[in-house]
Amino acid sequence: MTSVENNSDDWREIRSRADSIASVVFLISGGALSLSISVILSNKSSGFITAQVAQLAIFAWYSLLASVVLFLLLKSHMIFQAYLLQFRPDFVNNHLRLLNGIGWTLGILGFIPFVGGMVLMVRAAAIAVSA
């Protein structure tokens, strides 16, 4: 196996893992968004949802939305990079650091609001239960 083939296999493995993480973020964020929005809307008039809980939930929704958008950008970037790798390998070789840096940046920037949104969602639920 040549070095190029070995690097290609490594890249496919990394891309597969990034796809898995992105899929988990989509699943959890989408579920958290739809469930929390429906719970808040259905209980809004009951007094169960205080202003503090509503504010935390809103921040959580925007954080989770940001993570979904950033991971969509990451997936788009990975598709574009795969296209370049297949049809313009010289360009990829010359700009590999930049392309990988963009991917890492999008991934990290997508994961931070995901974790923050989940923490905010848990905090809102904890306040609602304790009230």
C-alpha atoms as a PDB file:
ATOM      1  CA  MET A   1       0.000   0.000   0.000  1.00  0.00           C
ATOM      2  CA  THR A   2       1.444   3.378  -0.993  1.00  0.00           C
ATOM      3  CA  SER A   3       1.624   6.464   1.197  1.00  0.00           C
ATOM      4  CA  VAL A   4      -1.177   8.149  -0.757  1.00  0.00           C
ATOM      5  CA  GLU A   5      -3.438   5.136  -0.290  1.00  0.00           C
ATOM      6  CA  ASN A   6      -2.588   4.983   3.403  1.00  0.00           C
ATOM      7  CA  ASN A   7      -3.367   8.696   3.859  1.00  0.00           C
ATOM      8  CA  SER A   8      -6.627   8.240   1.983  1.00  0.00           C
ATOM      9  CA  ASP A   9      -7.627   5.400   4.322  1.00  0.00           C
ATOM     10  CA  ASP A  10      -6.750   7.526   7.357  1.00  0.00           C
ATOM     11  CA  TRP A  11      -8.792  10.409   5.992  1.00  0.00           C
ATOM     12  CA  ARG A  12     -11.796   8.146   5.393  1.00  0.00           C
ATOM     13  CA  GLU A  13     -11.577   6.875   8.974  1.00  0.00           C
ATOM     14  CA  ILE A  14     -11.444  10.407  10.409  1.00  0.00           C
ATOM     15  CA  ARG A  15     -14.303  11.510   8.157  1.00  0.00           C
ATOM     16  CA  SER A  16     -16.371   8.513   9.265  1.00  0.00           C
ATOM     17  CA  ARG A  17     -15.872   9.411  12.915  1.00  0.00           C
ATOM     18  CA  ALA A  18     -16.725  13.060  12.295  1.00  0.00           C
ATOM     19  CA  ASP A  19     -19.876  11.945  10.448  1.00  0.00           C
ATOM     20  CA  SER A  20     -20.841   9.793  13.432  1.00  0.00           C
ATOM     21  CA  ILE A  21     -20.378  12.673  15.873  1.00  0.00           C
ATOM     22  CA  ALA A  22     -22.349  15.028  13.613  1.00  0.00           C
ATOM     23  CA  SER A  23     -25.172  12.484  13.325  1.00  0.00           C
ATOM     24  CA  VAL A  24     -25.360  12.148  17.114  1.00  0.00           C
ATOM     25  CA  VAL A  25     -25.471  15.944  17.489  1.00  0.00           C
ATOM     26  CA  PHE A  26     -28.277  16.154  14.902  1.00  0.00           C
ATOM     27  CA  LEU A  27     -30.264  13.420  16.642  1.00  0.00           C
ATOM     28  CA  ILE A  28     -29.888  14.749  20.180  1.00  0.00           C
ATOM     29  CA  SER A  29     -30.261  18.430  19.262  1.00  0.00           C
ATOM     30  CA  GLY A  30     -33.280  17.796  17.078  1.00  0.00           C
ATOM     31  CA  GLY A  31     -34.942  15.684  19.738  1.00  0.00           C
ATOM     32  CA  ALA A  32     -34.163  18.162  22.494  1.00  0.00           C
ATOM     33  CA  LEU A  33     -35.427  21.074  20.426  1.00  0.00           C
ATOM     34  CA  SER A  34     -38.704  19.483  19.365  1.00  0.00           C
ATOM     35  CA  LEU A  35     -39.474  17.978  22.767  1.00  0.00           C
ATOM     36  CA  SER A  36     -38.606  21.057  24.812  1.00  0.00           C
ATOM     37  CA  ILE A  37     -40.440  23.430  22.498  1.00  0.00           C
ATOM     38  CA  SER A  38     -43.597  21.318  22.619  1.00  0.00           C
ATOM     39  CA  VAL A  39     -43.407  20.963  26.425  1.00  0.00           C
ATOM     40  CA  ILE A  40     -42.860  24.692  26.954  1.00  0.00           C
ATOM     41  CA  LEU A  41     -45.635  25.689  24.572  1.00  0.00           C
ATOM     42  CA  SER A  42     -48.117  23.242  26.071  1.00  0.00           C
ATOM     43  CA  ASN A  43     -47.325  24.291  29.672  1.00  0.00           C
ATOM     44  CA  LYS A  44     -46.807  28.021  29.110  1.00  0.00           C
ATOM     45  CA  SER A  45     -50.153  29.092  30.559  1.00  0.00           C
ATOM     46  CA  SER A  46     -50.089  26.660  33.488  1.00  0.00           C
ATOM     47  CA  GLY A  47     -47.561  28.656  35.507  1.00  0.00           C
ATOM     48  CA  PHE A  48     -45.178  25.701  35.398  1.00  0.00           C
ATOM     49  CA  ILE A  49     -42.863  27.650  33.102  1.00  0.00           C
ATOM     50  CA  THR A  50     -41.438  30.664  34.900  1.00  0.00           C
ATOM     51  CA  ALA A  51     -39.758  33.564  33.118  1.00  0.00           C
ATOM     52  CA  GLN A  52     -36.344  32.225  34.179  1.00  0.00           C
ATOM     53  CA  VAL A  53     -37.083  28.753  32.802  1.00  0.00           C
ATOM     54  CA  ALA A  54     -38.371  30.243  29.553  1.00  0.00           C
ATOM     55  CA  GLN A  55     -35.275  32.440  29.171  1.00  0.00           C
ATOM     56  CA  LEU A  56     -32.917  29.515  29.775  1.00  0.00           C
ATOM     57  CA  ALA A  57     -34.865  27.367  27.310  1.00  0.00           C
ATOM     58  CA  ILE A  58     -34.678  30.082  24.662  1.00  0.00           C
ATOM     59  CA  PHE A  59     -30.902  30.368  25.069  1.00  0.00           C
ATOM     60  CA  ALA A  60     -30.670  26.572  24.888  1.00  0.00           C
ATOM     61  CA  TRP A  61     -32.723  26.498  21.677  1.00  0.00           C
ATOM     62  CA  TYR A  62     -30.479  29.036  19.998  1.00  0.00           C
ATOM     63  CA  SER A  63     -27.364  27.176  21.156  1.00  0.00           C
ATOM     64  CA  LEU A  64     -28.671  23.880  19.823  1.00  0.00           C
ATOM     65  CA  LEU A  65     -29.693  25.537  16.561  1.00  0.00           C
ATOM     66  CA  ALA A  66     -26.192  27.008  16.233  1.00  0.00           C
ATOM     67  CA  SER A  67     -24.639  23.576  16.763  1.00  0.00           C
ATOM     68  CA  VAL A  68     -26.858  22.027  14.077  1.00  0.00           C
ATOM     69  CA  VAL A  69     -25.983  24.794  11.598  1.00  0.00           C
ATOM     70  CA  LEU A  70     -22.253  24.508  12.343  1.00  0.00           C
ATOM     71  CA  PHE A  71     -22.294  20.730  11.976  1.00  0.00           C
ATOM     72  CA  LEU A  72     -24.178  21.099   8.669  1.00  0.00           C
ATOM     73  CA  LEU A  73     -21.391  23.413   7.549  1.00  0.00           C
ATOM     74  CA  LEU A  74     -18.841  20.831   8.716  1.00  0.00           C
ATOM     75  CA  LYS A  75     -20.530  18.076   6.730  1.00  0.00           C
ATOM     76  CA  SER A  76     -20.675  20.335   3.673  1.00  0.00           C
ATOM     77  CA  HIS A  77     -16.987  21.128   4.108  1.00  0.00           C
ATOM     78  CA  MET A  78     -16.131  17.423   4.328  1.00  0.00           C
ATOM     79  CA  ILE A  79     -18.101  16.696   1.147  1.00  0.00           C
ATOM     80  CA  PHE A  80     -16.304  19.555  -0.610  1.00  0.00           C
ATOM     81  CA  GLN A  81     -12.945  18.276   0.652  1.00  0.00           C
ATOM     82  CA  ALA A  82     -13.750  14.753  -0.579  1.00  0.00           C
ATOM     83  CA  TYR A  83     -14.652  16.196  -3.977  1.00  0.00           C
ATOM     84  CA  LEU A  84     -11.363  18.097  -4.093  1.00  0.00           C
ATOM     85  CA  LEU A  85      -9.438  15.032  -2.958  1.00  0.00           C
ATOM     86  CA  GLN A  86     -10.891  13.036  -5.834  1.00  0.00           C
ATOM     87  CA  PHE A  87     -10.680  15.605  -8.629  1.00  0.00           C
ATOM     88  CA  ARG A  88      -8.011  18.093  -7.467  1.00  0.00           C
ATOM     89  CA  PRO A  89      -5.568  16.162  -5.266  1.00  0.00           C
ATOM     90  CA  ASP A  90      -2.755  18.644  -5.927  1.00  0.00           C
ATOM     91  CA  PHE A  91      -4.880  21.471  -4.572  1.00  0.00           C
ATOM     92  CA  VAL A  92      -5.631  19.436  -1.444  1.00  0.00           C
ATOM     93  CA  ASN A  93      -1.948  18.636  -0.962  1.00  0.00           C
ATOM     94  CA  ASN A  94      -1.040  22.326  -1.242  1.00  0.00           C
ATOM     95  CA  HIS A  95      -3.819  23.491   1.097  1.00  0.00           C
ATOM     96  CA  LEU A  96      -4.194  20.517   3.434  1.00  0.00           C
ATOM     97  CA  ARG A  97      -3.469  22.496   6.599  1.00  0.00           C
ATOM     98  CA  LEU A  98      -6.046  25.134   5.717  1.00  0.00           C
ATOM     99  CA  LEU A  99      -8.723  22.599   4.748  1.00  0.00           C
ATOM    100  CA  ASN A 100      -8.162  20.530   7.884  1.00  0.00           C
ATOM    101  CA  GLY A 101      -8.062  23.662  10.020  1.00  0.00           C
ATOM    102  CA  ILE A 102     -11.430  24.758   8.679  1.00  0.00           C
ATOM    103  CA  GLY A 103     -12.875  21.345   9.458  1.00  0.00           C
ATOM    104  CA  TRP A 104     -11.494  21.282  13.002  1.00  0.00           C
ATOM    105  CA  THR A 105     -12.677  24.827  13.631  1.00  0.00           C
ATOM    106  CA  LEU A 106     -16.211  24.071  12.466  1.00  0.00           C
ATOM    107  CA  GLY A 107     -16.295  20.889  14.529  1.00  0.00           C
ATOM    108  CA  ILE A 108     -15.102  22.552  17.719  1.00  0.00           C
ATOM    109  CA  LEU A 109     -17.329  25.584  17.198  1.00  0.00           C
ATOM    110  CA  GLY A 110     -20.279  23.235  16.644  1.00  0.00           C
ATOM    111  CA  PHE A 111     -19.588  21.103  19.695  1.00  0.00           C
ATOM    112  CA  ILE A 112     -19.299  24.030  22.136  1.00  0.00           C
ATOM    113  CA  PRO A 113     -22.864  25.358  21.625  1.00  0.00           C
ATOM    114  CA  PHE A 114     -24.168  21.774  21.625  1.00  0.00           C
ATOM    115  CA  VAL A 115     -22.766  21.158  25.110  1.00  0.00           C
ATOM    116  CA  GLY A 116     -23.830  24.635  26.237  1.00  0.00           C
ATOM    117  CA  GLY A 117     -27.353  24.139  24.923  1.00  0.00           C
ATOM    118  CA  MET A 118     -27.699  20.793  26.655  1.00  0.00           C
ATOM    119  CA  VAL A 119     -26.430  22.264  29.943  1.00  0.00           C
ATOM    120  CA  LEU A 120     -28.897  25.162  29.639  1.00  0.00           C
ATOM    121  CA  MET A 121     -31.725  22.728  28.887  1.00  0.00           C
ATOM    122  CA  VAL A 122     -30.892  20.646  31.973  1.00  0.00           C
ATOM    123  CA  ARG A 123     -30.641  23.808  34.102  1.00  0.00           C
ATOM    124  CA  ALA A 124     -34.042  24.997  32.877  1.00  0.00           C
ATOM    125  CA  ALA A 125     -35.581  21.609  33.667  1.00  0.00           C
ATOM    126  CA  ALA A 126     -33.975  21.551  37.126  1.00  0.00           C
ATOM    127  CA  ILE A 127     -35.375  25.005  37.932  1.00  0.00           C
ATOM    128  CA  ALA A 128     -38.841  24.014  36.631  1.00  0.00           C
ATOM    129  CA  VAL A 129     -38.897  20.860  38.740  1.00  0.00           C
ATOM    130  CA  SER A 130     -37.701  22.590  41.876  1.00  0.00           C
ATOM    131  CA  ALA A 131     -40.188  25.461  41.591  1.00  0.00           C
END
